[in-house]
C-alpha atoms as a PDB file:
ATOM      1  CA  MET A   1     -41.582 -22.866  -4.172  1.00  0.00           C
ATOM      2  CA  LYS A   2     -39.251 -21.662  -1.393  1.00  0.00           C
ATOM      3  CA  LYS A   3     -36.778 -24.479  -2.191  1.00  0.00           C
ATOM      4  CA  LYS A   4     -36.794 -23.615  -5.909  1.00  0.00           C
ATOM      5  CA  PHE A   5     -36.250 -19.950  -5.104  1.00  0.00           C
ATOM      6  CA  ARG A   6     -33.357 -20.786  -2.783  1.00  0.00           C
ATOM      7  CA  ASN A   7     -31.701 -23.004  -5.457  1.00  0.00           C
ATOM      8  CA  LEU A   8     -32.197 -20.255  -8.013  1.00  0.00           C
ATOM      9  CA  LEU A   9     -30.549 -17.736  -5.660  1.00  0.00           C
ATOM     10  CA  ILE A  10     -27.549 -20.039  -5.000  1.00  0.00           C
ATOM     11  CA  ALA A  11     -27.149 -20.584  -8.712  1.00  0.00           C
ATOM     12  CA  THR A  12     -27.274 -16.858  -9.425  1.00  0.00           C
ATOM     13  CA  VAL A  13     -24.687 -16.090  -6.751  1.00  0.00           C
ATOM     14  CA  ALA A  14     -22.391 -18.830  -8.084  1.00  0.00           C
ATOM     15  CA  LEU A  15     -22.787 -17.468 -11.674  1.00  0.00           C
ATOM     16  CA  LEU A  16     -21.976 -13.963 -10.563  1.00  0.00           C
ATOM     17  CA  GLY A  17     -18.926 -15.219  -8.730  1.00  0.00           C
ATOM     18  CA  PHE A  18     -17.749 -17.141 -11.815  1.00  0.00           C
ATOM     19  CA  THR A  19     -18.395 -14.132 -14.039  1.00  0.00           C
ATOM     20  CA  ALA A  20     -16.334 -11.844 -11.768  1.00  0.00           C
ATOM     21  CA  ALA A  21     -13.528 -14.374 -11.624  1.00  0.00           C
ATOM     22  CA  PHE A  22     -13.625 -14.797 -15.422  1.00  0.00           C
ATOM     23  CA  HIS A  23     -13.512 -11.003 -15.855  1.00  0.00           C
ATOM     24  CA  VAL A  24     -10.373 -10.721 -13.673  1.00  0.00           C
ATOM     25  CA  GLN A  25      -8.723 -13.624 -15.588  1.00  0.00           C
ATOM     26  CA  ALA A  26      -9.648 -12.119 -18.947  1.00  0.00           C
ATOM     27  CA  SER A  27      -8.389  -8.670 -17.993  1.00  0.00           C
ATOM     28  CA  LEU A  28      -5.066 -10.147 -16.881  1.00  0.00           C
ATOM     29  CA  ASN A  29      -4.757 -12.185 -20.030  1.00  0.00           C
ATOM     30  CA  ASP A  30      -5.358  -9.035 -22.042  1.00  0.00           C
ATOM     31  CA  ASP A  31      -2.761  -7.074 -20.065  1.00  0.00           C
ATOM     32  CA  PRO A  32       0.527  -6.902 -22.099  1.00  0.00           C
ATOM     33  CA  ASP A  33       2.433  -6.013 -18.921  1.00  0.00           C
ATOM     34  CA  ALA A  34       1.292  -9.079 -16.967  1.00  0.00           C
ATOM     35  CA  VAL A  35       4.062 -11.590 -16.389  1.00  0.00           C
ATOM     36  CA  SER A  36       4.190 -15.171 -15.026  1.00  0.00           C
ATOM     37  CA  VAL A  37       4.173 -15.658 -11.274  1.00  0.00           C
ATOM     38  CA  GLN A  38       7.430 -17.391 -10.229  1.00  0.00           C
ATOM     39  CA  PRO A  39       7.303 -18.989  -6.757  1.00  0.00           C
ATOM     40  CA  VAL A  40      10.594 -18.613  -4.890  1.00  0.00           C
ATOM     41  CA  SER A  41      11.698 -21.548  -2.697  1.00  0.00           C
ATOM     42  CA  LYS A  42      14.007 -21.117   0.302  1.00  0.00           C
ATOM     43  CA  LYS A  43      16.896 -22.560  -1.706  1.00  0.00           C
ATOM     44  CA  GLU A  44      16.224 -20.185  -4.579  1.00  0.00           C
ATOM     45  CA  LEU A  45      15.935 -17.230  -2.260  1.00  0.00           C
ATOM     46  CA  ALA A  46      19.256 -18.056  -0.666  1.00  0.00           C
ATOM     47  CA  SER A  47      20.816 -18.233  -4.092  1.00  0.00           C
ATOM     48  CA  ILE A  48      19.335 -14.899  -5.084  1.00  0.00           C
ATOM     49  CA  LYS A  49      20.639 -13.264  -1.924  1.00  0.00           C
ATOM     50  CA  LYS A  50      24.153 -14.738  -2.563  1.00  0.00           C
ATOM     51  CA  ASN A  51      24.245 -13.518  -6.113  1.00  0.00           C
ATOM     52  CA  TYR A  52      22.675 -10.085  -5.738  1.00  0.00           C
ATOM     53  CA  GLY A  53      23.370  -9.102  -2.158  1.00  0.00           C
ATOM     54  CA  HIS A  54      20.770  -6.704  -0.749  1.00  0.00           C
ATOM     55  CA  ILE A  55      17.438  -7.610  -2.297  1.00  0.00           C
ATOM     56  CA  TRP A  56      14.919  -6.430   0.310  1.00  0.00           C
ATOM     57  CA  TYR A  57      13.514  -2.907   0.375  1.00  0.00           C
ATOM     58  CA  HIS A  58      14.961  -0.825   3.223  1.00  0.00           C
ATOM     59  CA  ILE A  59      12.279   1.738   3.583  1.00  0.00           C
ATOM     60  CA  LYS A  60      13.157   4.720   5.732  1.00  0.00           C
ATOM     61  CA  PHE A  61      10.622   5.983   8.276  1.00  0.00           C
ATOM     62  CA  TYR A  62      10.694   9.358  10.049  1.00  0.00           C
ATOM     63  CA  ARG A  63       8.801  11.075  12.832  1.00  0.00           C
ATOM     64  CA  THR A  64       8.073  14.772  12.470  1.00  0.00           C
ATOM     65  CA  LEU A  65       9.592  16.731  15.322  1.00  0.00           C
ATOM     66  CA  LYS A  66       7.513  19.867  14.596  1.00  0.00           C
ATOM     67  CA  PRO A  67       4.551  20.669  12.272  1.00  0.00           C
ATOM     68  CA  VAL A  68       5.658  20.579   8.603  1.00  0.00           C
ATOM     69  CA  ASN A  69       3.863  22.206   5.656  1.00  0.00           C
ATOM     70  CA  VAL A  70       4.048  20.417   2.323  1.00  0.00           C
ATOM     71  CA  THR A  71       2.526  21.267  -1.069  1.00  0.00           C
ATOM     72  CA  ILE A  72       0.738  18.410  -2.814  1.00  0.00           C
ATOM     73  CA  LYS A  73      -0.168  18.838  -6.440  1.00  0.00           C
ATOM     74  CA  PHE A  74      -3.158  16.514  -6.849  1.00  0.00           C
ATOM     75  CA  SER A  75      -4.080  15.323 -10.310  1.00  0.00           C
ATOM     76  CA  ASP A  76      -7.629  15.567 -11.665  1.00  0.00           C
ATOM     77  CA  ARG A  77      -9.694  12.493 -12.568  1.00  0.00           C
ATOM     78  CA  GLN A  78     -11.255  13.982 -15.694  1.00  0.00           C
ATOM     79  CA  ASN A  79      -8.744  16.587 -16.986  1.00  0.00           C
ATOM     80  CA  THR A  80      -5.185  15.172 -17.012  1.00  0.00           C
ATOM     81  CA  LYS A  81      -3.826  18.677 -17.611  1.00  0.00           C
ATOM     82  CA  LEU A  82      -5.462  20.053 -14.490  1.00  0.00           C
ATOM     83  CA  VAL A  83      -3.560  20.152 -11.158  1.00  0.00           C
ATOM     84  CA  HIS A  84      -4.981  20.933  -7.697  1.00  0.00           C
ATOM     85  CA  PRO A  85      -2.173  22.284  -5.486  1.00  0.00           C
ATOM     86  CA  LYS A  86      -2.957  22.037  -1.752  1.00  0.00           C
ATOM     87  CA  VAL A  87      -0.867  22.891   1.273  1.00  0.00           C
ATOM     88  CA  LEU A  88      -1.058  20.138   3.865  1.00  0.00           C
ATOM     89  CA  ARG A  89       0.104  20.719   7.466  1.00  0.00           C
ATOM     90  CA  ILE A  90       1.546  17.514   8.858  1.00  0.00           C
ATOM     91  CA  PRO A  91       1.258  17.554  12.662  1.00  0.00           C
ATOM     92  CA  GLN A  92       4.174  16.942  15.017  1.00  0.00           C
ATOM     93  CA  ASN A  93       4.853  13.361  15.924  1.00  0.00           C
ATOM     94  CA  THR A  94       3.440  11.995  12.633  1.00  0.00           C
ATOM     95  CA  ILE A  95       5.231   9.016  11.118  1.00  0.00           C
ATOM     96  CA  VAL A  96       5.927   9.131   7.367  1.00  0.00           C
ATOM     97  CA  SER A  97       8.332   7.510   4.944  1.00  0.00           C
ATOM     98  CA  GLY A  98      10.717   9.202   2.569  1.00  0.00           C
ATOM     99  CA  ASN A  99      14.306   9.957   1.783  1.00  0.00           C
ATOM    100  CA  LYS A 100      16.770  12.757   2.564  1.00  0.00           C
ATOM    101  CA  PHE A 101      19.183  13.917  -0.119  1.00  0.00           C
ATOM    102  CA  ASN A 102      21.163  16.919  -1.191  1.00  0.00           C
ATOM    103  CA  ASP A 103      22.177  18.410  -4.560  1.00  0.00           C
ATOM    104  CA  SER A 104      23.883  21.549  -5.763  1.00  0.00           C
ATOM    105  CA  ASP A 105      22.918  24.205  -8.253  1.00  0.00           C
ATOM    106  CA  LYS A 106      25.474  26.869  -9.294  1.00  0.00           C
ATOM    107  CA  GLY A 107      27.490  26.177  -6.153  1.00  0.00           C
ATOM    108  CA  LEU A 108      24.551  26.306  -3.768  1.00  0.00           C
ATOM    109  CA  VAL A 109      23.756  23.100  -1.882  1.00  0.00           C
ATOM    110  CA  ARG A 110      20.105  22.307  -1.344  1.00  0.00           C
ATOM    111  CA  TYR A 111      18.948  19.807   1.263  1.00  0.00           C
ATOM    112  CA  SER A 112      15.644  18.057   0.648  1.00  0.00           C
ATOM    113  CA  PHE A 113      13.339  15.494   2.073  1.00  0.00           C
ATOM    114  CA  ASN A 114      11.224  13.662  -0.496  1.00  0.00           C
ATOM    115  CA  LEU A 115       8.030  12.483   1.096  1.00  0.00           C
ATOM    116  CA  ASP A 116       6.328   9.246  -0.069  1.00  0.00           C
ATOM    117  CA  PHE A 117       2.721  10.216  -0.921  1.00  0.00           C
ATOM    118  CA  ASP A 118       1.474   6.693  -0.156  1.00  0.00           C
ATOM    119  CA  SER A 119       2.700   7.178   3.450  1.00  0.00           C
ATOM    120  CA  LEU A 120       0.084   9.838   4.077  1.00  0.00           C
ATOM    121  CA  SER A 121      -3.049   8.445   5.611  1.00  0.00           C
ATOM    122  CA  TYR A 122      -6.520   9.523   4.761  1.00  0.00           C
ATOM    123  CA  HIS A 123      -6.712  10.804   8.286  1.00  0.00           C
ATOM    124  CA  LEU A 124      -4.068  13.400   7.322  1.00  0.00           C
ATOM    125  CA  LEU A 125      -5.338  14.028   3.783  1.00  0.00           C
ATOM    126  CA  LYS A 126      -9.065  14.302   4.607  1.00  0.00           C
ATOM    127  CA  PRO A 127      -9.206  18.126   4.858  1.00  0.00           C
ATOM    128  CA  LYS A 128      -7.639  18.469   1.456  1.00  0.00           C
ATOM    129  CA  VAL A 129      -8.906  15.741  -0.874  1.00  0.00           C
ATOM    130  CA  SER A 130     -12.145  15.330  -2.876  1.00  0.00           C
ATOM    131  CA  LYS A 131     -13.631  12.651  -5.109  1.00  0.00           C
ATOM    132  CA  GLN A 132     -12.360  14.636  -8.116  1.00  0.00           C
ATOM    133  CA  PHE A 133      -8.695  14.330  -7.005  1.00  0.00           C
ATOM    134  CA  ALA A 134      -6.221  11.671  -8.053  1.00  0.00           C
ATOM    135  CA  GLU A 135      -2.778  10.811  -6.816  1.00  0.00           C
ATOM    136  CA  PRO A 136      -0.164  13.506  -7.667  1.00  0.00           C
ATOM    137  CA  ASN A 137       2.358  12.999 -10.422  1.00  0.00           C
ATOM    138  CA  PHE A 138       4.778  15.411  -8.818  1.00  0.00           C
ATOM    139  CA  ALA A 139       7.202  14.794  -5.945  1.00  0.00           C
ATOM    140  CA  ILE A 140       6.386  16.167  -2.527  1.00  0.00           C
ATOM    141  CA  SER A 141       9.591  17.823  -1.232  1.00  0.00           C
ATOM    142  CA  VAL A 142      10.615  19.742   1.836  1.00  0.00           C
ATOM    143  CA  THR A 143      13.731  21.838   1.198  1.00  0.00           C
ATOM    144  CA  ALA A 144      16.135  23.457   3.622  1.00  0.00           C
ATOM    145  CA  LYS A 145      19.379  25.432   3.529  1.00  0.00           C
ATOM    146  CA  SER A 146      21.202  23.025   5.905  1.00  0.00           C
ATOM    147  CA  LYS A 147      21.129  19.383   6.885  1.00  0.00           C
ATOM    148  CA  GLN A 148      20.618  20.404  10.454  1.00  0.00           C
ATOM    149  CA  SER A 149      17.403  22.229   9.516  1.00  0.00           C
ATOM    150  CA  LEU A 150      15.964  19.058   8.019  1.00  0.00           C
ATOM    151  CA  ASN A 151      17.066  17.066  11.018  1.00  0.00           C
ATOM    152  CA  ARG A 152      15.138  19.396  13.250  1.00  0.00           C
ATOM    153  CA  ARG A 153      11.964  18.430  11.417  1.00  0.00           C
ATOM    154  CA  PHE A 154      12.371  14.770  10.574  1.00  0.00           C
ATOM    155  CA  LYS A 155      13.911  12.123  12.856  1.00  0.00           C
ATOM    156  CA  ARG A 156      14.750   8.645  11.507  1.00  0.00           C
ATOM    157  CA  ILE A 157      12.945   5.827  13.452  1.00  0.00           C
ATOM    158  CA  THR A 158      12.678   2.080  13.251  1.00  0.00           C
ATOM    159  CA  THR A 159       9.881   0.485  11.163  1.00  0.00           C
ATOM    160  CA  PRO A 160       6.608   0.623  13.094  1.00  0.00           C
ATOM    161  CA  LYS A 161       5.695  -2.887  14.237  1.00  0.00           C
ATOM    162  CA  TYR A 162       2.240  -2.883  12.669  1.00  0.00           C
ATOM    163  CA  LEU A 163       3.744  -2.682   9.160  1.00  0.00           C
ATOM    164  CA  PRO A 164       4.630  -5.752   7.092  1.00  0.00           C
ATOM    165  CA  THR A 165       8.354  -6.399   6.877  1.00  0.00           C
ATOM    166  CA  TYR A 166      10.149  -4.678   3.984  1.00  0.00           C
ATOM    167  CA  SER A 167       6.884  -3.109   2.834  1.00  0.00           C
ATOM    168  CA  TRP A 168       5.342   0.281   2.398  1.00  0.00           C
ATOM    169  CA  GLY A 169       2.182  -1.153   3.824  1.00  0.00           C
ATOM    170  CA  ILE A 170       0.297  -1.403   0.533  1.00  0.00           C
ATOM    171  CA  LEU A 171      -1.242  -4.798  -0.078  1.00  0.00           C
ATOM    172  CA  ASN A 172      -3.533  -6.031  -2.847  1.00  0.00           C
ATOM    173  CA  LYS A 173      -5.719  -9.113  -2.883  1.00  0.00           C
ATOM    174  CA  TYR A 174      -3.863 -11.996  -4.470  1.00  0.00           C
ATOM    175  CA  PRO A 175      -5.694 -12.750  -7.726  1.00  0.00           C
ATOM    176  CA  HIS A 176      -4.779 -16.468  -7.919  1.00  0.00           C
ATOM    177  CA  THR A 177      -3.949 -16.148 -11.635  1.00  0.00           C
ATOM    178  CA  PRO A 178      -0.869 -17.400 -13.517  1.00  0.00           C
ATOM    179  CA  LYS A 179       0.084 -13.785 -14.411  1.00  0.00           C
ATOM    180  CA  ILE A 180       0.186 -10.571 -12.495  1.00  0.00           C
ATOM    181  CA  ASP A 181       1.064  -7.066 -13.684  1.00  0.00           C
ATOM    182  CA  PRO A 182       4.097  -5.981 -11.620  1.00  0.00           C
ATOM    183  CA  PHE A 183       3.128  -2.327 -11.682  1.00  0.00           C
ATOM    184  CA  THR A 184      -0.637  -2.027 -12.129  1.00  0.00           C
ATOM    185  CA  PRO A 185      -2.790  -3.886  -9.602  1.00  0.00           C
ATOM    186  CA  THR A 186      -6.097  -5.312 -10.648  1.00  0.00           C
ATOM    187  CA  THR A 187      -7.556  -6.083  -7.206  1.00  0.00           C
ATOM    188  CA  ASP A 188      -8.816  -4.264  -4.049  1.00  0.00           C
ATOM    189  CA  GLN A 189      -6.196  -2.642  -1.890  1.00  0.00           C
ATOM    190  CA  LEU A 190      -5.514  -2.666   1.847  1.00  0.00           C
ATOM    191  CA  LYS A 191      -3.184  -0.007   3.283  1.00  0.00           C
ATOM    192  CA  ILE A 192      -1.461  -0.053   6.646  1.00  0.00           C
ATOM    193  CA  THR A 193      -0.182   3.507   6.912  1.00  0.00           C
ATOM    194  CA  PRO A 194       3.032   4.545   8.791  1.00  0.00           C
ATOM    195  CA  ASP A 195       1.023   6.694  11.206  1.00  0.00           C
ATOM    196  CA  GLY A 196      -1.003   3.626  12.213  1.00  0.00           C
ATOM    197  CA  ASN A 197      -4.277   3.436  10.192  1.00  0.00           C
ATOM    198  CA  VAL A 198      -5.885   0.590   8.341  1.00  0.00           C
ATOM    199  CA  GLU A 199      -7.594   1.622   5.115  1.00  0.00           C
ATOM    200  CA  PHE A 200      -9.537  -0.367   2.544  1.00  0.00           C
ATOM    201  CA  TYR A 201      -9.889   0.756  -1.109  1.00  0.00           C
ATOM    202  CA  PRO A 202     -11.923  -1.114  -3.723  1.00  0.00           C
ATOM    203  CA  ILE A 203     -10.398  -0.933  -7.172  1.00  0.00           C
ATOM    204  CA  ILE A 204     -12.254   1.291  -9.639  1.00  0.00           C
ATOM    205  CA  PRO A 205     -13.299  -0.808 -12.699  1.00  0.00           C
ATOM    206  CA  GLY A 206     -12.151   0.392 -16.099  1.00  0.00           C
ATOM    207  CA  GLN A 207      -9.271   2.499 -14.970  1.00  0.00           C
ATOM    208  CA  THR A 208      -5.856   2.001 -16.590  1.00  0.00           C
ATOM    209  CA  LYS A 209      -3.819   4.899 -15.179  1.00  0.00           C
ATOM    210  CA  ASN A 210      -1.904   3.929 -12.058  1.00  0.00           C
ATOM    211  CA  ASN A 211      -2.747   7.141 -10.177  1.00  0.00           C
ATOM    212  CA  GLN A 212      -6.513   6.633 -10.728  1.00  0.00           C
ATOM    213  CA  LEU A 213      -7.026   2.907  -9.948  1.00  0.00           C
ATOM    214  CA  PHE A 214      -8.253   3.791  -6.474  1.00  0.00           C
ATOM    215  CA  SER A 215     -10.131   6.679  -4.915  1.00  0.00           C
ATOM    216  CA  LEU A 216      -8.218   8.807  -2.458  1.00  0.00           C
ATOM    217  CA  ILE A 217     -11.115   8.318  -0.053  1.00  0.00           C
ATOM    218  CA  PRO A 218     -11.162   4.809   1.449  1.00  0.00           C
ATOM    219  CA  GLN A 219     -14.352   2.731   1.685  1.00  0.00           C
ATOM    220  CA  SER A 220     -13.616   2.246   5.363  1.00  0.00           C
ATOM    221  CA  PHE A 221     -10.733   2.906   7.787  1.00  0.00           C
ATOM    222  CA  ALA A 222      -9.756   2.708  11.445  1.00  0.00           C
ATOM    223  CA  LYS A 223      -6.959   3.889  13.740  1.00  0.00           C
ATOM    224  CA  ILE A 224      -4.828   1.077  15.077  1.00  0.00           C
ATOM    225  CA  ASN A 225      -4.885   1.327  18.892  1.00  0.00           C
ATOM    226  CA  LYS A 226      -2.796  -1.730  19.782  1.00  0.00           C
ATOM    227  CA  THR A 227      -0.462  -4.167  17.957  1.00  0.00           C
ATOM    228  CA  ILE A 228       0.702  -7.579  19.166  1.00  0.00           C
ATOM    229  CA  VAL A 229       3.384  -9.529  17.209  1.00  0.00           C
ATOM    230  CA  LYS A 230       3.734 -13.235  17.668  1.00  0.00           C
ATOM    231  CA  GLY A 231       6.113 -14.965  15.357  1.00  0.00           C
ATOM    232  CA  ASN A 232       5.130 -14.191  11.754  1.00  0.00           C
ATOM    233  CA  THR A 233       1.690 -12.881  12.768  1.00  0.00           C
ATOM    234  CA  ARG A 234       0.601  -9.341  13.648  1.00  0.00           C
ATOM    235  CA  TYR A 235      -2.655  -8.651  15.493  1.00  0.00           C
ATOM    236  CA  LEU A 236      -4.004  -5.171  14.908  1.00  0.00           C
ATOM    237  CA  TYR A 237      -6.755  -3.891  17.228  1.00  0.00           C
ATOM    238  CA  TYR A 238      -9.121  -0.978  16.636  1.00  0.00           C
ATOM    239  CA  SER A 239     -12.525   0.311  17.786  1.00  0.00           C
ATOM    240  CA  HIS A 240     -14.876  -0.485  14.853  1.00  0.00           C
ATOM    241  CA  HIS A 241     -15.348  -2.865  11.949  1.00  0.00           C
ATOM    242  CA  ILE A 242     -13.652  -2.041   8.662  1.00  0.00           C
ATOM    243  CA  THR A 243     -15.868  -2.812   5.683  1.00  0.00           C
ATOM    244  CA  GLY A 244     -14.097  -4.966   3.107  1.00  0.00           C
ATOM    245  CA  VAL A 245     -11.839  -6.908   5.436  1.00  0.00           C
ATOM    246  CA  HIS A 246     -12.482  -9.981   7.553  1.00  0.00           C
ATOM    247  CA  ASP A 247     -11.750  -8.699  11.019  1.00  0.00           C
ATOM    248  CA  GLN A 248     -13.057 -10.225  14.276  1.00  0.00           C
ATOM    249  CA  ARG A 249     -15.001  -8.656  17.045  1.00  0.00           C
ATOM    250  CA  VAL A 250     -13.199  -9.571  20.267  1.00  0.00           C
ATOM    251  CA  ALA A 251     -14.740  -7.071  22.783  1.00  0.00           C
ATOM    252  CA  LYS A 252     -18.068  -5.431  23.311  1.00  0.00           C
ATOM    253  CA  SER A 253     -16.777  -1.889  23.687  1.00  0.00           C
ATOM    254  CA  GLY A 254     -13.622   0.219  23.906  1.00  0.00           C
ATOM    255  CA  HIS A 255     -10.686   0.930  21.685  1.00  0.00           C
ATOM    256  CA  TYR A 256      -9.877  -2.837  21.021  1.00  0.00           C
ATOM    257  CA  GLN A 257     -13.236  -4.144  19.874  1.00  0.00           C
ATOM    258  CA  TYR A 258     -11.955  -5.515  16.606  1.00  0.00           C
ATOM    259  CA  ARG A 259      -8.861  -7.476  15.667  1.00  0.00           C
ATOM    260  CA  LEU A 260      -7.313  -7.952  12.256  1.00  0.00           C
ATOM    261  CA  THR A 261      -4.911 -10.885  11.921  1.00  0.00           C
ATOM    262  CA  MET A 262      -2.077 -10.422   9.447  1.00  0.00           C
ATOM    263  CA  THR A 263       0.160 -13.488   8.881  1.00  0.00           C
ATOM    264  CA  ASN A 264       3.273 -13.570   6.690  1.00  0.00           C
ATOM    265  CA  LEU A 265       2.904 -16.864   4.799  1.00  0.00           C
ATOM    266  CA  HIS A 266       6.610 -16.911   3.888  1.00  0.00           C
ATOM    267  CA  ARG A 267       5.744 -17.878   0.332  1.00  0.00           C
ATOM    268  CA  PRO A 268       7.480 -15.211  -1.716  1.00  0.00           C
ATOM    269  CA  PHE A 269       7.194 -15.053  -5.483  1.00  0.00           C
ATOM    270  CA  SER A 270       8.824 -12.957  -8.197  1.00  0.00           C
ATOM    271  CA  LEU A 271       7.672 -11.131 -11.221  1.00  0.00           C
ATOM    272  CA  PHE A 272      10.268 -10.605 -13.880  1.00  0.00           C
ATOM    273  CA  ASP A 273      10.277  -7.528 -16.016  1.00  0.00           C
ATOM    274  CA  GLY A 274      12.773  -7.429 -18.887  1.00  0.00           C
ATOM    275  CA  ASP A 275      13.597  -3.734 -18.397  1.00  0.00           C
ATOM    276  CA  GLN A 276      13.843  -3.590 -14.626  1.00  0.00           C
ATOM    277  CA  GLY A 277      14.884  -7.057 -13.427  1.00  0.00           C
ATOM    278  CA  ALA A 278      12.737  -8.962 -10.974  1.00  0.00           C
ATOM    279  CA  ILE A 279      10.376  -7.767  -8.176  1.00  0.00           C
ATOM    280  CA  ILE A 280      10.052  -9.916  -5.094  1.00  0.00           C
ATOM    281  CA  LEU A 281       6.604  -9.993  -3.493  1.00  0.00           C
ATOM    282  CA  SER A 282       5.404 -11.441  -0.229  1.00  0.00           C
ATOM    283  CA  LYS A 283       2.068 -13.148   0.499  1.00  0.00           C
ATOM    284  CA  TYR A 284       0.089 -12.316   3.651  1.00  0.00           C
ATOM    285  CA  LYS A 285      -3.076 -13.900   4.898  1.00  0.00           C
ATOM    286  CA  ILE A 286      -5.235 -11.059   6.356  1.00  0.00           C
ATOM    287  CA  GLY A 287      -8.438 -12.411   7.955  1.00  0.00           C
ATOM    288  CA  ASN A 288      -9.330 -15.191   5.464  1.00  0.00           C
ATOM    289  CA  THR A 289      -8.031 -13.517   2.368  1.00  0.00           C
ATOM    290  CA  VAL A 290      -4.548 -13.751   0.759  1.00  0.00           C
ATOM    291  CA  TYR A 291      -2.853 -10.411  -0.110  1.00  0.00           C
ATOM    292  CA  TYR A 292       0.508  -9.602  -1.699  1.00  0.00           C
ATOM    293  CA  THR A 293       2.884  -6.699  -1.224  1.00  0.00           C
ATOM    294  CA  ARG A 294       6.145  -5.649  -2.831  1.00  0.00           C
ATOM    295  CA  SER A 295       9.112  -6.523  -0.597  1.00  0.00           C
ATOM    296  CA  GLY A 296      12.275  -6.255  -2.782  1.00  0.00           C
ATOM    297  CA  SER A 297      13.888  -6.458  -6.110  1.00  0.00           C
ATOM    298  CA  TYR A 298      17.080  -7.523  -7.954  1.00  0.00           C
ATOM    299  CA  SER A 299      18.647  -7.093 -11.410  1.00  0.00           C
ATOM    300  CA  ALA A 300      21.777  -8.038 -13.267  1.00  0.00           C
END
């Protein structure tokens, strides 16, 4: 009886796994925006670089030199017309990504810093978000009357070593399907934030809007307390297990109890979109799971 029950349990688990895989495959096949995955060899990559020049993303990271207040206009999950404006105070010495620029209106020059919302960790957003909120559809800007004023708030720094190369730190599980949607992920997400947090977000089934695919509240997260880089592998250490990822316990106590191994597989691929050229993506093995992240683009 026990043997029959065990065999039945194994068969049930296998069937559930097959059903889930079939569902992912079917959803991708039904997605009109999904395009064929094109592996890029070293020779092809060299040719692309030669023909198009700068193809990798050069993301700019900044450290706040003083506390900075920003207004975030969160969307609502049920009512698309509803907006939830919240003022977030970003502490001094926080690392974010964004871009500085200036424009003029009626002869007046305005200096601005556009902040990437995805660079804000849940650790920062926690006092302001709820399950009802979705990602904002509006830019997050800090304006000033002079360039010097912005420079006194944001200082350009090199890319933090815990982040994947040429990446915003947003990775999705590689679906192992012939087609992938370049702009709308269909799998769980792992975020390595500029301020040094690891966050895991399960995808929300049935969602089609990009800003509602994931909750703003991660399933699990941890602060990175140490990073070691060896070749194409990064080792991230933190104090507790992150549900959803395959990390390893390497100590019984302390700030470095768990280690997450993140290896660049150096097997890039491209997704071609007729309107916007091609996107280059990189594969990473994180724990025992393959993820992908956007790394660059090129177009004629």
